N, C-alpha and C. Protein backbone atom coordinates (compact mmCIF):
# COMPACT_ATOMS: atom_id res chain seq x y z
N MET A 1 -20.63 -2.73 0.52
CA MET A 1 -19.89 -3.05 1.72
C MET A 1 -19.79 -4.57 1.85
N LEU A 2 -18.64 -5.04 2.28
CA LEU A 2 -18.37 -6.46 2.42
C LEU A 2 -19.18 -7.04 3.58
N GLN A 3 -19.82 -8.17 3.33
CA GLN A 3 -20.60 -8.85 4.37
C GLN A 3 -19.70 -9.88 5.06
N ASP A 4 -19.58 -9.77 6.36
CA ASP A 4 -18.75 -10.69 7.13
C ASP A 4 -19.67 -11.56 7.98
N PRO A 5 -19.68 -12.87 7.76
CA PRO A 5 -20.60 -13.74 8.50
C PRO A 5 -20.34 -13.73 10.01
N ILE A 6 -19.11 -13.53 10.43
CA ILE A 6 -18.80 -13.50 11.86
C ILE A 6 -19.41 -12.25 12.49
N VAL A 7 -19.26 -11.11 11.83
CA VAL A 7 -19.83 -9.87 12.35
C VAL A 7 -21.35 -9.96 12.36
N GLU A 8 -21.92 -10.54 11.31
CA GLU A 8 -23.38 -10.71 11.27
C GLU A 8 -23.87 -11.59 12.42
N GLU A 9 -23.13 -12.64 12.73
CA GLU A 9 -23.49 -13.53 13.84
C GLU A 9 -23.43 -12.78 15.17
N ILE A 10 -22.40 -11.98 15.36
CA ILE A 10 -22.27 -11.19 16.59
C ILE A 10 -23.43 -10.22 16.72
N HIS A 11 -23.79 -9.56 15.63
CA HIS A 11 -24.91 -8.61 15.67
C HIS A 11 -26.22 -9.33 15.99
N ARG A 12 -26.41 -10.53 15.40
CA ARG A 12 -27.63 -11.30 15.66
C ARG A 12 -27.71 -11.71 17.13
N ILE A 13 -26.60 -12.21 17.68
CA ILE A 13 -26.58 -12.65 19.08
C ILE A 13 -26.81 -11.46 20.01
N ARG A 14 -26.17 -10.33 19.70
CA ARG A 14 -26.34 -9.14 20.53
C ARG A 14 -27.79 -8.67 20.51
N GLU A 15 -28.42 -8.71 19.35
CA GLU A 15 -29.82 -8.31 19.23
C GLU A 15 -30.73 -9.24 20.04
N GLU A 16 -30.50 -10.55 19.94
CA GLU A 16 -31.30 -11.51 20.71
C GLU A 16 -31.13 -11.29 22.21
N TYR A 17 -29.91 -11.04 22.63
CA TYR A 17 -29.61 -10.81 24.04
C TYR A 17 -30.33 -9.57 24.55
N ALA A 18 -30.24 -8.48 23.80
CA ALA A 18 -30.89 -7.23 24.19
C ALA A 18 -32.41 -7.40 24.20
N LYS A 19 -32.94 -8.10 23.21
CA LYS A 19 -34.39 -8.32 23.13
C LYS A 19 -34.87 -9.13 24.34
N ARG A 20 -34.10 -10.15 24.73
CA ARG A 20 -34.47 -10.99 25.88
C ARG A 20 -34.57 -10.18 27.16
N LEU A 21 -33.75 -9.12 27.26
CA LEU A 21 -33.76 -8.28 28.46
C LEU A 21 -34.56 -7.00 28.26
N GLY A 22 -35.38 -6.97 27.23
CA GLY A 22 -36.27 -5.84 27.01
C GLY A 22 -35.54 -4.56 26.61
N TYR A 23 -34.37 -4.69 26.02
CA TYR A 23 -33.56 -3.55 25.59
C TYR A 23 -33.27 -2.58 26.74
N ASP A 24 -33.30 -3.09 27.97
CA ASP A 24 -33.07 -2.27 29.17
C ASP A 24 -31.58 -2.31 29.50
N LEU A 25 -30.91 -1.19 29.32
CA LEU A 25 -29.46 -1.13 29.53
C LEU A 25 -29.08 -1.48 30.96
N HIS A 26 -29.90 -1.08 31.93
CA HIS A 26 -29.60 -1.40 33.33
C HIS A 26 -29.65 -2.92 33.56
N LYS A 27 -30.63 -3.58 32.97
CA LYS A 27 -30.72 -5.05 33.10
C LYS A 27 -29.55 -5.73 32.41
N ILE A 28 -29.18 -5.22 31.24
CA ILE A 28 -28.06 -5.80 30.50
C ILE A 28 -26.78 -5.69 31.32
N CYS A 29 -26.52 -4.51 31.88
CA CYS A 29 -25.30 -4.30 32.68
C CYS A 29 -25.32 -5.16 33.94
N GLU A 30 -26.47 -5.26 34.59
CA GLU A 30 -26.57 -6.06 35.81
C GLU A 30 -26.29 -7.53 35.50
N GLU A 31 -26.84 -8.04 34.41
CA GLU A 31 -26.59 -9.44 34.07
C GLU A 31 -25.11 -9.65 33.73
N MET A 32 -24.51 -8.70 33.05
CA MET A 32 -23.07 -8.81 32.74
C MET A 32 -22.24 -8.83 34.02
N ARG A 33 -22.61 -7.99 34.99
CA ARG A 33 -21.89 -7.99 36.27
C ARG A 33 -22.03 -9.34 36.98
N GLN A 34 -23.23 -9.90 36.95
CA GLN A 34 -23.46 -11.20 37.58
C GLN A 34 -22.64 -12.29 36.89
N ARG A 35 -22.62 -12.28 35.56
CA ARG A 35 -21.84 -13.26 34.82
C ARG A 35 -20.35 -13.13 35.14
N GLN A 36 -19.89 -11.89 35.24
CA GLN A 36 -18.48 -11.66 35.55
C GLN A 36 -18.15 -12.19 36.94
N ALA A 37 -19.05 -11.96 37.91
CA ALA A 37 -18.81 -12.43 39.28
C ALA A 37 -18.82 -13.97 39.33
N GLN A 38 -19.69 -14.60 38.57
CA GLN A 38 -19.79 -16.06 38.56
C GLN A 38 -18.62 -16.72 37.83
N ALA A 39 -17.94 -15.97 36.98
CA ALA A 39 -16.83 -16.54 36.21
C ALA A 39 -15.66 -16.92 37.10
N GLY A 40 -15.56 -16.27 38.26
CA GLY A 40 -14.51 -16.61 39.19
C GLY A 40 -13.13 -16.09 38.81
N ARG A 41 -13.08 -15.22 37.83
CA ARG A 41 -11.80 -14.65 37.42
C ARG A 41 -11.52 -13.40 38.24
N LYS A 42 -10.27 -13.16 38.47
CA LYS A 42 -9.88 -11.99 39.25
C LYS A 42 -9.97 -10.74 38.36
N ALA A 43 -10.69 -9.75 38.85
CA ALA A 43 -10.82 -8.48 38.13
C ALA A 43 -10.01 -7.41 38.85
N VAL A 44 -9.38 -6.58 38.09
CA VAL A 44 -8.55 -5.52 38.65
C VAL A 44 -9.22 -4.19 38.36
N THR A 45 -9.38 -3.38 39.39
CA THR A 45 -9.91 -2.03 39.23
C THR A 45 -8.77 -1.06 39.51
N ARG A 46 -8.46 -0.27 38.54
CA ARG A 46 -7.37 0.68 38.70
C ARG A 46 -7.90 2.01 39.20
N MET A 47 -7.05 2.71 39.92
CA MET A 47 -7.40 4.04 40.39
C MET A 47 -7.41 4.98 39.19
N PRO A 48 -8.34 5.92 39.14
CA PRO A 48 -8.36 6.85 38.02
C PRO A 48 -7.12 7.74 38.04
N ARG A 49 -6.65 8.07 36.86
CA ARG A 49 -5.49 8.94 36.76
C ARG A 49 -5.90 10.38 37.00
N LYS A 50 -5.00 11.13 37.60
CA LYS A 50 -5.24 12.55 37.77
C LYS A 50 -5.00 13.22 36.42
N PRO A 51 -5.87 14.13 36.03
CA PRO A 51 -5.66 14.79 34.74
C PRO A 51 -4.43 15.67 34.77
N ARG A 52 -3.73 15.68 33.66
CA ARG A 52 -2.57 16.56 33.55
C ARG A 52 -3.05 17.96 33.22
N ILE A 53 -2.46 18.92 33.87
CA ILE A 53 -2.83 20.32 33.60
C ILE A 53 -1.80 20.88 32.63
N GLN A 54 -2.29 21.34 31.50
CA GLN A 54 -1.42 21.91 30.49
C GLN A 54 -1.11 23.36 30.85
N PRO A 55 0.14 23.77 30.72
CA PRO A 55 0.47 25.18 30.99
C PRO A 55 -0.24 26.07 29.97
N GLN A 56 -0.74 27.18 30.45
CA GLN A 56 -1.45 28.13 29.60
C GLN A 56 -0.46 28.95 28.79
N ALA A 57 -0.75 29.13 27.52
CA ALA A 57 0.10 29.97 26.67
C ALA A 57 -0.23 31.43 26.95
N ALA A 58 0.80 32.25 27.01
CA ALA A 58 0.61 33.66 27.33
C ALA A 58 0.17 34.45 26.14
C-alpha cells in the first residue's frame, strides 16, 4: 500500500488529540463544539427531511 505523508501526519495528529483527551468521545465532541463556537463563523442547522414512503408492490 502506498504511504502518503499527509495522511500519516493527519493520523498522528488525530491520535495525539484523542490521547490528550483520554480517548473520551464525549470530551472530544465537547471540545470540538467549543472550538466551533469560538471560531465565530455562522453555522447553519437544517431541518431533517421527512422520509419518503415507497409504494408497496402488490
